[in-house]
Amino acid sequence: VELCGHATLAAAHTLFTSGMVDSDTIEFMTLSGILIAKRVPETKSSDNSKIQDGDVPGKWIELDFPVVPIMEDDAERISSVSKVLNGTSIVEIKKTATGDHF
């Protein structure tokens, strides 16, 4: 499936809170690779007064997104970016190695 962090977070929340998953980790297979959703303890600075029905107090969901490989961009594009930025010096520009991931 196409990768969408918001939908994945919602799916993980639903699976965890409904009891459909008997684990603290879920692996989603995406076109970008395996995305891992993990239940983790909440930080002490969190405000428990805002807990909604169905929420599990003391648990947060951490998403570990697949790594998208990057590579050097071509010199022509770097030059055009510098021109658009009124001649600003460009340190480096990278692009994704596969597809148009943003």
PDB file of N, CA and C in Angstrom:
ATOM      1  N   VAL A   1       0.840  -1.190   0.000  1.00  0.00           N
ATOM      2  CA  VAL A   1       0.000   0.000   0.000  1.00  0.00           C
ATOM      3  C   VAL A   1       0.880   1.246   0.000  1.00  0.00           C
ATOM      4  N   GLU A   2       0.319   2.369  -0.450  1.00  0.00           N
ATOM      5  CA  GLU A   2       1.027   3.641  -0.360  1.00  0.00           C
ATOM      6  C   GLU A   2       1.212   3.979   1.117  1.00  0.00           C
ATOM      7  N   LEU A   3       2.333   4.601   1.434  1.00  0.00           N
ATOM      8  CA  LEU A   3       2.638   4.947   2.816  1.00  0.00           C
ATOM      9  C   LEU A   3       1.937   6.239   3.210  1.00  0.00           C
ATOM     10  N   CYS A   4       1.173   6.175   4.310  1.00  0.00           N
ATOM     11  CA  CYS A   4       0.520   7.361   4.866  1.00  0.00           C
ATOM     12  C   CYS A   4       0.639   7.263   6.379  1.00  0.00           C
ATOM     13  N   GLY A   5       1.458   8.124   6.964  1.00  0.00           N
ATOM     14  CA  GLY A   5       1.717   8.065   8.404  1.00  0.00           C
ATOM     15  C   GLY A   5       0.483   8.250   9.260  1.00  0.00           C
ATOM     16  N   HIS A   6      -0.410   9.174   8.867  1.00  0.00           N
ATOM     17  CA  HIS A   6      -1.611   9.418   9.666  1.00  0.00           C
ATOM     18  C   HIS A   6      -2.527   8.194   9.669  1.00  0.00           C
ATOM     19  N   ALA A   7      -2.715   7.594   8.508  1.00  0.00           N
ATOM     20  CA  ALA A   7      -3.569   6.405   8.421  1.00  0.00           C
ATOM     21  C   ALA A   7      -2.943   5.229   9.159  1.00  0.00           C
ATOM     22  N   THR A   8      -1.626   5.106   9.087  1.00  0.00           N
ATOM     23  CA  THR A   8      -0.936   4.028   9.789  1.00  0.00           C
ATOM     24  C   THR A   8      -1.051   4.203  11.289  1.00  0.00           C
ATOM     25  N   LEU A   9      -0.906   5.429  11.764  1.00  0.00           N
ATOM     26  CA  LEU A   9      -1.056   5.708  13.191  1.00  0.00           C
ATOM     27  C   LEU A   9      -2.479   5.384  13.655  1.00  0.00           C
ATOM     28  N   ALA A  10      -3.472   5.774  12.865  1.00  0.00           N
ATOM     29  CA  ALA A  10      -4.869   5.477  13.213  1.00  0.00           C
ATOM     30  C   ALA A  10      -5.124   3.975  13.211  1.00  0.00           C
ATOM     31  N   ALA A  11      -4.582   3.272  12.220  1.00  0.00           N
ATOM     32  CA  ALA A  11      -4.759   1.813  12.149  1.00  0.00           C
ATOM     33  C   ALA A  11      -4.103   1.140  13.351  1.00  0.00           C
ATOM     34  N   ALA A  12      -2.896   1.570  13.700  1.00  0.00           N
ATOM     35  CA  ALA A  12      -2.199   0.988  14.853  1.00  0.00           C
ATOM     36  C   ALA A  12      -2.986   1.243  16.138  1.00  0.00           C
ATOM     37  N   HIS A  13      -3.477   2.465  16.298  1.00  0.00           N
ATOM     38  CA  HIS A  13      -4.273   2.800  17.488  1.00  0.00           C
ATOM     39  C   HIS A  13      -5.498   1.893  17.590  1.00  0.00           C
ATOM     40  N   THR A  14      -6.198   1.721  16.474  1.00  0.00           N
ATOM     41  CA  THR A  14      -7.393   0.877  16.464  1.00  0.00           C
ATOM     42  C   THR A  14      -7.046  -0.567  16.800  1.00  0.00           C
ATOM     43  N   LEU A  15      -5.983  -1.084  16.196  1.00  0.00           N
ATOM     44  CA  LEU A  15      -5.586  -2.470  16.464  1.00  0.00           C
ATOM     45  C   LEU A  15      -5.163  -2.670  17.916  1.00  0.00           C
ATOM     46  N   PHE A  16      -4.416  -1.718  18.463  1.00  0.00           N
ATOM     47  CA  PHE A  16      -3.977  -1.830  19.858  1.00  0.00           C
ATOM     48  C   PHE A  16      -5.141  -1.704  20.835  1.00  0.00           C
ATOM     49  N   THR A  17      -5.999  -0.693  20.666  1.00  0.00           N
ATOM     50  CA  THR A  17      -7.052  -0.443  21.650  1.00  0.00           C
ATOM     51  C   THR A  17      -8.224  -1.410  21.541  1.00  0.00           C
ATOM     52  N   SER A  18      -8.411  -2.032  20.383  1.00  0.00           N
ATOM     53  CA  SER A  18      -9.512  -2.982  20.230  1.00  0.00           C
ATOM     54  C   SER A  18      -9.161  -4.360  20.758  1.00  0.00           C
ATOM     55  N   GLY A  19      -7.879  -4.573  21.065  1.00  0.00           N
ATOM     56  CA  GLY A  19      -7.450  -5.885  21.536  1.00  0.00           C
ATOM     57  C   GLY A  19      -7.205  -6.872  20.401  1.00  0.00           C
ATOM     58  N   MET A  20      -7.227  -6.398  19.161  1.00  0.00           N
ATOM     59  CA  MET A  20      -7.001  -7.282  18.012  1.00  0.00           C
ATOM     60  C   MET A  20      -5.538  -7.701  17.888  1.00  0.00           C
ATOM     61  N   VAL A  21      -4.658  -7.000  18.595  1.00  0.00           N
ATOM     62  CA  VAL A  21      -3.231  -7.312  18.570  1.00  0.00           C
ATOM     63  C   VAL A  21      -2.788  -7.624  19.991  1.00  0.00           C
ATOM     64  N   ASP A  22      -2.152  -8.772  20.167  1.00  0.00           N
ATOM     65  CA  ASP A  22      -1.680  -9.179  21.490  1.00  0.00           C
ATOM     66  C   ASP A  22      -0.170  -8.994  21.574  1.00  0.00           C
ATOM     67  N   SER A  23       0.282  -7.804  21.173  1.00  0.00           N
ATOM     68  CA  SER A  23       1.705  -7.493  21.124  1.00  0.00           C
ATOM     69  C   SER A  23       1.863  -5.986  21.252  1.00  0.00           C
ATOM     70  N   ASP A  24       3.060  -5.538  21.571  1.00  0.00           N
ATOM     71  CA  ASP A  24       3.322  -4.107  21.612  1.00  0.00           C
ATOM     72  C   ASP A  24       3.921  -3.604  20.310  1.00  0.00           C
ATOM     73  N   THR A  25       3.997  -4.485  19.288  1.00  0.00           N
ATOM     74  CA  THR A  25       4.582  -4.111  18.001  1.00  0.00           C
ATOM     75  C   THR A  25       3.730  -4.637  16.855  1.00  0.00           C
ATOM     76  N   ILE A  26       3.541  -3.784  15.845  1.00  0.00           N
ATOM     77  CA  ILE A  26       2.846  -4.187  14.620  1.00  0.00           C
ATOM     78  C   ILE A  26       3.753  -3.818  13.449  1.00  0.00           C
ATOM     79  N   GLU A  27       3.882  -4.715  12.481  1.00  0.00           N
ATOM     80  CA  GLU A  27       4.647  -4.418  11.274  1.00  0.00           C
ATOM     81  C   GLU A  27       3.685  -4.279  10.102  1.00  0.00           C
ATOM     82  N   PHE A  28       3.743  -3.130   9.434  1.00  0.00           N
ATOM     83  CA  PHE A  28       2.933  -2.880   8.249  1.00  0.00           C
ATOM     84  C   PHE A  28       3.820  -3.002   7.020  1.00  0.00           C
ATOM     85  N   MET A  29       3.382  -3.770   6.037  1.00  0.00           N
ATOM     86  CA  MET A  29       4.110  -3.896   4.780  1.00  0.00           C
ATOM     87  C   MET A  29       3.641  -2.770   3.863  1.00  0.00           C
ATOM     88  N   THR A  30       4.566  -1.903   3.436  1.00  0.00           N
ATOM     89  CA  THR A  30       4.230  -0.780   2.564  1.00  0.00           C
ATOM     90  C   THR A  30       5.091  -0.840   1.304  1.00  0.00           C
ATOM     91  N   LEU A  31       4.757  -0.026   0.330  1.00  0.00           N
ATOM     92  CA  LEU A  31       5.566   0.043  -0.888  1.00  0.00           C
ATOM     93  C   LEU A  31       6.950   0.595  -0.603  1.00  0.00           C
ATOM     94  N   SER A  32       7.108   1.304   0.517  1.00  0.00           N
ATOM     95  CA  SER A  32       8.402   1.875   0.895  1.00  0.00           C
ATOM     96  C   SER A  32       9.214   0.948   1.779  1.00  0.00           C
ATOM     97  N   GLY A  33       8.611  -0.159   2.201  1.00  0.00           N
ATOM     98  CA  GLY A  33       9.275  -1.087   3.108  1.00  0.00           C
ATOM     99  C   GLY A  33       8.429  -1.335   4.335  1.00  0.00           C
ATOM    100  N   ILE A  34       9.017  -1.961   5.330  1.00  0.00           N
ATOM    101  CA  ILE A  34       8.286  -2.300   6.555  1.00  0.00           C
ATOM    102  C   ILE A  34       8.246  -1.086   7.478  1.00  0.00           C
ATOM    103  N   LEU A  35       7.031  -0.724   7.909  1.00  0.00           N
ATOM    104  CA  LEU A  35       6.823   0.350   8.867  1.00  0.00           C
ATOM    105  C   LEU A  35       6.426  -0.308  10.182  1.00  0.00           C
ATOM    106  N   ILE A  36       7.126   0.020  11.250  1.00  0.00           N
ATOM    107  CA  ILE A  36       6.865  -0.600  12.554  1.00  0.00           C
ATOM    108  C   ILE A  36       6.153   0.393  13.462  1.00  0.00           C
ATOM    109  N   ALA A  37       5.035  -0.043  14.034  1.00  0.00           N
ATOM    110  CA  ALA A  37       4.312   0.738  15.040  1.00  0.00           C
ATOM    111  C   ALA A  37       4.525   0.029  16.375  1.00  0.00           C
ATOM    112  N   LYS A  38       4.960   0.798  17.375  1.00  0.00           N
ATOM    113  CA  LYS A  38       5.285   0.195  18.664  1.00  0.00           C
ATOM    114  C   LYS A  38       4.596   0.969  19.778  1.00  0.00           C
ATOM    115  N   ARG A  39       3.976   0.229  20.721  1.00  0.00           N
ATOM    116  CA  ARG A  39       3.417   0.871  21.916  1.00  0.00           C
ATOM    117  C   ARG A  39       4.561   1.131  22.882  1.00  0.00           C
ATOM    118  N   VAL A  40       4.661   2.373  23.348  1.00  0.00           N
ATOM    119  CA  VAL A  40       5.728   2.743  24.278  1.00  0.00           C
ATOM    120  C   VAL A  40       5.136   3.491  25.457  1.00  0.00           C
ATOM    121  N   PRO A  41       5.809   3.450  26.607  1.00  0.00           N
ATOM    122  CA  PRO A  41       5.299   4.198  27.769  1.00  0.00           C
ATOM    123  C   PRO A  41       5.306   5.689  27.483  1.00  0.00           C
ATOM    124  N   GLU A  42       4.271   6.383  27.971  1.00  0.00           N
ATOM    125  CA  GLU A  42       4.222   7.834  27.774  1.00  0.00           C
ATOM    126  C   GLU A  42       5.208   8.512  28.703  1.00  0.00           C
ATOM    127  N   THR A  43       5.568   9.734  28.355  1.00  0.00           N
ATOM    128  CA  THR A  43       6.505  10.492  29.177  1.00  0.00           C
ATOM    129  C   THR A  43       5.795  11.054  30.403  1.00  0.00           C
ATOM    130  N   LYS A  44       6.544  11.374  31.414  1.00  0.00           N
ATOM    131  CA  LYS A  44       5.959  11.904  32.653  1.00  0.00           C
ATOM    132  C   LYS A  44       5.313  13.274  32.455  1.00  0.00           C
ATOM    133  N   SER A  45       5.709  14.000  31.426  1.00  0.00           N
ATOM    134  CA  SER A  45       5.162  15.339  31.208  1.00  0.00           C
ATOM    135  C   SER A  45       3.804  15.319  30.510  1.00  0.00           C
ATOM    136  N   SER A  46       3.297  14.141  30.167  1.00  0.00           N
ATOM    137  CA  SER A  46       2.016  14.046  29.466  1.00  0.00           C
ATOM    138  C   SER A  46       0.857  14.384  30.393  1.00  0.00           C
ATOM    139  N   ASP A  47      -0.222  14.872  29.811  1.00  0.00           N
ATOM    140  CA  ASP A  47      -1.405  15.267  30.565  1.00  0.00           C
ATOM    141  C   ASP A  47      -2.479  14.192  30.426  1.00  0.00           C
ATOM    142  N   ASN A  48      -2.683  13.384  31.476  1.00  0.00           N
ATOM    143  CA  ASN A  48      -3.665  12.299  31.451  1.00  0.00           C
ATOM    144  C   ASN A  48      -5.102  12.800  31.524  1.00  0.00           C
ATOM    145  N   SER A  49      -5.338  14.094  31.773  1.00  0.00           N
ATOM    146  CA  SER A  49      -6.702  14.597  31.902  1.00  0.00           C
ATOM    147  C   SER A  49      -7.425  14.622  30.556  1.00  0.00           C
ATOM    148  N   LYS A  50      -6.711  14.442  29.462  1.00  0.00           N
ATOM    149  CA  LYS A  50      -7.315  14.509  28.134  1.00  0.00           C
ATOM    150  C   LYS A  50      -7.545  13.121  27.526  1.00  0.00           C
ATOM    151  N   ILE A  51      -7.525  12.070  28.327  1.00  0.00           N
ATOM    152  CA  ILE A  51      -7.709  10.711  27.815  1.00  0.00           C
ATOM    153  C   ILE A  51      -9.152  10.521  27.356  1.00  0.00           C
ATOM    154  N   GLN A  52      -9.326  10.007  26.154  1.00  0.00           N
ATOM    155  CA  GLN A  52     -10.641   9.763  25.567  1.00  0.00           C
ATOM    156  C   GLN A  52     -11.064   8.312  25.831  1.00  0.00           C
ATOM    157  N   ASP A  53     -12.365   8.018  25.673  1.00  0.00           N
ATOM    158  CA  ASP A  53     -12.850   6.641  25.799  1.00  0.00           C
ATOM    159  C   ASP A  53     -12.109   5.760  24.806  1.00  0.00           C
ATOM    160  N   GLY A  54     -11.656   4.597  25.252  1.00  0.00           N
ATOM    161  CA  GLY A  54     -10.957   3.660  24.383  1.00  0.00           C
ATOM    162  C   GLY A  54      -9.457   3.839  24.391  1.00  0.00           C
ATOM    163  N   ASP A  55      -8.967   5.002  24.841  1.00  0.00           N
ATOM    164  CA  ASP A  55      -7.526   5.209  24.912  1.00  0.00           C
ATOM    165  C   ASP A  55      -6.946   4.379  26.054  1.00  0.00           C
ATOM    166  N   VAL A  56      -5.700   4.016  25.902  1.00  0.00           N
ATOM    167  CA  VAL A  56      -5.015   3.264  26.937  1.00  0.00           C
ATOM    168  C   VAL A  56      -4.056   4.216  27.637  1.00  0.00           C
ATOM    169  N   PRO A  57      -4.362   4.624  28.880  1.00  0.00           N
ATOM    170  CA  PRO A  57      -3.480   5.555  29.564  1.00  0.00           C
ATOM    171  C   PRO A  57      -2.100   4.935  29.759  1.00  0.00           C
ATOM    172  N   GLY A  58      -1.075   5.756  29.635  1.00  0.00           N
ATOM    173  CA  GLY A  58       0.283   5.271  29.853  1.00  0.00           C
ATOM    174  C   GLY A  58       0.938   4.704  28.613  1.00  0.00           C
ATOM    175  N   LYS A  59       0.277   4.753  27.458  1.00  0.00           N
ATOM    176  CA  LYS A  59       0.848   4.195  26.231  1.00  0.00           C
ATOM    177  C   LYS A  59       0.780   5.200  25.091  1.00  0.00           C
ATOM    178  N   TRP A  60       1.858   5.296  24.348  1.00  0.00           N
ATOM    179  CA  TRP A  60       1.938   6.098  23.134  1.00  0.00           C
ATOM    180  C   TRP A  60       2.279   5.157  21.999  1.00  0.00           C
ATOM    181  N   ILE A  61       2.114   5.621  20.772  1.00  0.00           N
ATOM    182  CA  ILE A  61       2.485   4.814  19.614  1.00  0.00           C
ATOM    183  C   ILE A  61       3.638   5.509  18.903  1.00  0.00           C
ATOM    184  N   GLU A  62       4.722   4.764  18.735  1.00  0.00           N
ATOM    185  CA  GLU A  62       5.910   5.264  18.058  1.00  0.00           C
ATOM    186  C   GLU A  62       5.975   4.610  16.686  1.00  0.00           C
ATOM    187  N   LEU A  63       6.145   5.409  15.626  1.00  0.00           N
ATOM    188  CA  LEU A  63       6.249   4.872  14.274  1.00  0.00           C
ATOM    189  C   LEU A  63       7.696   4.925  13.813  1.00  0.00           C
ATOM    190  N   ASP A  64       8.179   3.809  13.296  1.00  0.00           N
ATOM    191  CA  ASP A  64       9.534   3.714  12.747  1.00  0.00           C
ATOM    192  C   ASP A  64       9.388   3.537  11.237  1.00  0.00           C
ATOM    193  N   PHE A  65       9.542   4.645  10.494  1.00  0.00           N
ATOM    194  CA  PHE A  65       9.321   4.632   9.055  1.00  0.00           C
ATOM    195  C   PHE A  65      10.485   3.974   8.325  1.00  0.00           C
ATOM    196  N   PRO A  66      10.196   3.361   7.180  1.00  0.00           N
ATOM    197  CA  PRO A  66      11.271   2.774   6.388  1.00  0.00           C
ATOM    198  C   PRO A  66      12.234   3.863   5.902  1.00  0.00           C
ATOM    199  N   VAL A  67      13.491   3.491   5.778  1.00  0.00           N
ATOM    200  CA  VAL A  67      14.499   4.423   5.282  1.00  0.00           C
ATOM    201  C   VAL A  67      14.402   4.487   3.763  1.00  0.00           C
ATOM    202  N   VAL A  68      14.347   5.696   3.246  1.00  0.00           N
ATOM    203  CA  VAL A  68      14.331   5.893   1.800  1.00  0.00           C
ATOM    204  C   VAL A  68      15.744   6.303   1.403  1.00  0.00           C
ATOM    205  N   PRO A  69      16.404   5.508   0.550  1.00  0.00           N
ATOM    206  CA  PRO A  69      17.777   5.842   0.175  1.00  0.00           C
ATOM    207  C   PRO A  69      17.848   7.185  -0.569  1.00  0.00           C
ATOM    208  N   ILE A  70      18.924   7.927  -0.315  1.00  0.00           N
ATOM    209  CA  ILE A  70      19.122   9.204  -0.995  1.00  0.00           C
ATOM    210  C   ILE A  70      20.431   9.178  -1.769  1.00  0.00           C
ATOM    211  N   MET A  71      20.551  10.103  -2.713  1.00  0.00           N
ATOM    212  CA  MET A  71      21.771  10.212  -3.505  1.00  0.00           C
ATOM    213  C   MET A  71      21.994  11.674  -3.876  1.00  0.00           C
ATOM    214  N   GLU A  72      23.174  11.979  -4.409  1.00  0.00           N
ATOM    215  CA  GLU A  72      23.489  13.341  -4.832  1.00  0.00           C
ATOM    216  C   GLU A  72      22.540  13.766  -5.941  1.00  0.00           C
ATOM    217  N   ASP A  73      22.145  15.033  -5.932  1.00  0.00           N
ATOM    218  CA  ASP A  73      21.325  15.575  -7.007  1.00  0.00           C
ATOM    219  C   ASP A  73      22.257  16.074  -8.110  1.00  0.00           C
ATOM    220  N   ASP A  74      21.703  16.311  -9.299  1.00  0.00           N
ATOM    221  CA  ASP A  74      22.548  16.741 -10.407  1.00  0.00           C
ATOM    222  C   ASP A  74      22.908  18.221 -10.294  1.00  0.00           C
ATOM    223  N   ALA A  75      24.049  18.589 -10.864  1.00  0.00           N
ATOM    224  CA  ALA A  75      24.587  19.947 -10.755  1.00  0.00           C
ATOM    225  C   ALA A  75      23.652  20.994 -11.347  1.00  0.00           C
ATOM    226  N   GLU A  76      22.937  20.640 -12.415  1.00  0.00           N
ATOM    227  CA  GLU A  76      22.026  21.597 -13.057  1.00  0.00           C
ATOM    228  C   GLU A  76      20.916  22.017 -12.101  1.00  0.00           C
ATOM    229  N   ARG A  77      20.361  21.065 -11.381  1.00  0.00           N
ATOM    230  CA  ARG A  77      19.290  21.388 -10.437  1.00  0.00           C
ATOM    231  C   ARG A  77      19.831  22.229  -9.279  1.00  0.00           C
ATOM    232  N   ILE A  78      21.020  21.901  -8.802  1.00  0.00           N
ATOM    233  CA  ILE A  78      21.631  22.675  -7.712  1.00  0.00           C
ATOM    234  C   ILE A  78      21.829  24.120  -8.149  1.00  0.00           C
ATOM    235  N   SER A  79      22.293  24.305  -9.373  1.00  0.00           N
ATOM    236  CA  SER A  79      22.493  25.644  -9.915  1.00  0.00           C
ATOM    237  C   SER A  79      21.170  26.402 -10.004  1.00  0.00           C
ATOM    238  N   SER A  80      20.113  25.740 -10.438  1.00  0.00           N
ATOM    239  CA  SER A  80      18.814  26.411 -10.573  1.00  0.00           C
ATOM    240  C   SER A  80      18.233  26.779  -9.208  1.00  0.00           C
ATOM    241  N   VAL A  81      18.459  25.947  -8.202  1.00  0.00           N
ATOM    242  CA  VAL A  81      17.981  26.267  -6.848  1.00  0.00           C
ATOM    243  C   VAL A  81      18.720  27.498  -6.328  1.00  0.00           C
ATOM    244  N   SER A  82      20.027  27.546  -6.557  1.00  0.00           N
ATOM    245  CA  SER A  82      20.817  28.694  -6.128  1.00  0.00           C
ATOM    246  C   SER A  82      20.302  29.976  -6.793  1.00  0.00           C
ATOM    247  N   LYS A  83      19.981  29.910  -8.086  1.00  0.00           N
ATOM    248  CA  LYS A  83      19.464  31.081  -8.804  1.00  0.00           C
ATOM    249  C   LYS A  83      18.132  31.532  -8.225  1.00  0.00           C
ATOM    250  N   VAL A  84      17.245  30.590  -7.946  1.00  0.00           N
ATOM    251  CA  VAL A  84      15.928  30.913  -7.379  1.00  0.00           C
ATOM    252  C   VAL A  84      16.085  31.588  -6.018  1.00  0.00           C
ATOM    253  N   LEU A  85      17.145  31.225  -5.301  1.00  0.00           N
ATOM    254  CA  LEU A  85      17.392  31.790  -3.977  1.00  0.00           C
ATOM    255  C   LEU A  85      18.357  32.978  -4.040  1.00  0.00           C
ATOM    256  N   ASN A  86      18.317  33.697  -5.182  1.00  0.00           N
ATOM    257  CA  ASN A  86      19.121  34.915  -5.368  1.00  0.00           C
ATOM    258  C   ASN A  86      20.617  34.672  -5.181  1.00  0.00           C
ATOM    259  N   GLY A  87      21.118  33.554  -5.696  1.00  0.00           N
ATOM    260  CA  GLY A  87      22.548  33.271  -5.654  1.00  0.00           C
ATOM    261  C   GLY A  87      23.064  32.726  -4.343  1.00  0.00           C
ATOM    262  N   THR A  88      22.155  32.335  -3.471  1.00  0.00           N
ATOM    263  CA  THR A  88      22.567  31.779  -2.185  1.00  0.00           C
ATOM    264  C   THR A  88      23.449  30.558  -2.409  1.00  0.00           C
ATOM    265  N   SER A  89      24.491  30.432  -1.618  1.00  0.00           N
ATOM    266  CA  SER A  89      25.388  29.284  -1.711  1.00  0.00           C
ATOM    267  C   SER A  89      24.671  28.026  -1.216  1.00  0.00           C
ATOM    268  N   ILE A  90      24.729  26.987  -2.006  1.00  0.00           N
ATOM    269  CA  ILE A  90      24.093  25.716  -1.653  1.00  0.00           C
ATOM    270  C   ILE A  90      25.155  24.768  -1.112  1.00  0.00           C
ATOM    271  N   VAL A  91      24.940  24.226   0.066  1.00  0.00           N
ATOM    272  CA  VAL A  91      25.893  23.297   0.668  1.00  0.00           C
ATOM    273  C   VAL A  91      25.733  21.927   0.032  1.00  0.00           C
ATOM    274  N   GLU A  92      24.509  21.411   0.002  1.00  0.00           N
ATOM    275  CA  GLU A  92      24.249  20.144  -0.660  1.00  0.00           C
ATOM    276  C   GLU A  92      22.760  19.969  -0.886  1.00  0.00           C
ATOM    277  N   ILE A  93      22.420  19.235  -1.907  1.00  0.00           N
ATOM    278  CA  ILE A  93      21.036  18.864  -2.182  1.00  0.00           C
ATOM    279  C   ILE A  93      21.044  17.374  -2.484  1.00  0.00           C
ATOM    280  N   LYS A  94      20.152  16.667  -1.839  1.00  0.00           N
ATOM    281  CA  LYS A  94      20.020  15.225  -2.052  1.00  0.00           C
ATOM    282  C   LYS A  94      18.660  14.948  -2.677  1.00  0.00           C
ATOM    283  N   LYS A  95      18.529  13.816  -3.320  1.00  0.00           N
ATOM    284  CA  LYS A  95      17.237  13.382  -3.834  1.00  0.00           C
ATOM    285  C   LYS A  95      17.064  11.909  -3.488  1.00  0.00           C
ATOM    286  N   THR A  96      15.824  11.475  -3.491  1.00  0.00           N
ATOM    287  CA  THR A  96      15.583  10.066  -3.204  1.00  0.00           C
ATOM    288  C   THR A  96      16.056   9.234  -4.374  1.00  0.00           C
ATOM    289  N   ALA A  97      16.591   8.066  -4.058  1.00  0.00           N
ATOM    290  CA  ALA A  97      17.167   7.208  -5.080  1.00  0.00           C
ATOM    291  C   ALA A  97      16.095   6.514  -5.919  1.00  0.00           C
ATOM    292  N   THR A  98      14.911   6.321  -5.330  1.00  0.00           N
ATOM    293  CA  THR A  98      13.832   5.652  -6.047  1.00  0.00           C
ATOM    294  C   THR A  98      12.538   6.421  -5.887  1.00  0.00           C
ATOM    295  N   GLY A  99      11.870   6.723  -6.961  1.00  0.00           N
ATOM    296  CA  GLY A  99      10.558   7.360  -6.900  1.00  0.00           C
ATOM    297  C   GLY A  99      10.607   8.795  -6.437  1.00  0.00           C
ATOM    298  N   ASP A 100       9.445   9.344  -6.211  1.00  0.00           N
ATOM    299  CA  ASP A 100       9.301  10.723  -5.764  1.00  0.00           C
ATOM    300  C   ASP A 100       8.790  10.760  -4.337  1.00  0.00           C
ATOM    301  N   HIS A 101       9.587  10.323  -3.379  1.00  0.00           N
ATOM    302  CA  HIS A 101       9.210  10.343  -1.964  1.00  0.00           C
ATOM    303  C   HIS A 101       9.505  11.715  -1.410  1.00  0.00           C
ATOM    304  N   PHE A 102       8.591  12.235  -0.630  1.00  0.00           N
ATOM    305  CA  PHE A 102       8.795  13.552  -0.037  1.00  0.00           C
ATOM    306  C   PHE A 102       8.856  13.436   1.446  1.00  0.00           C
TER     307      PHE A 102
END
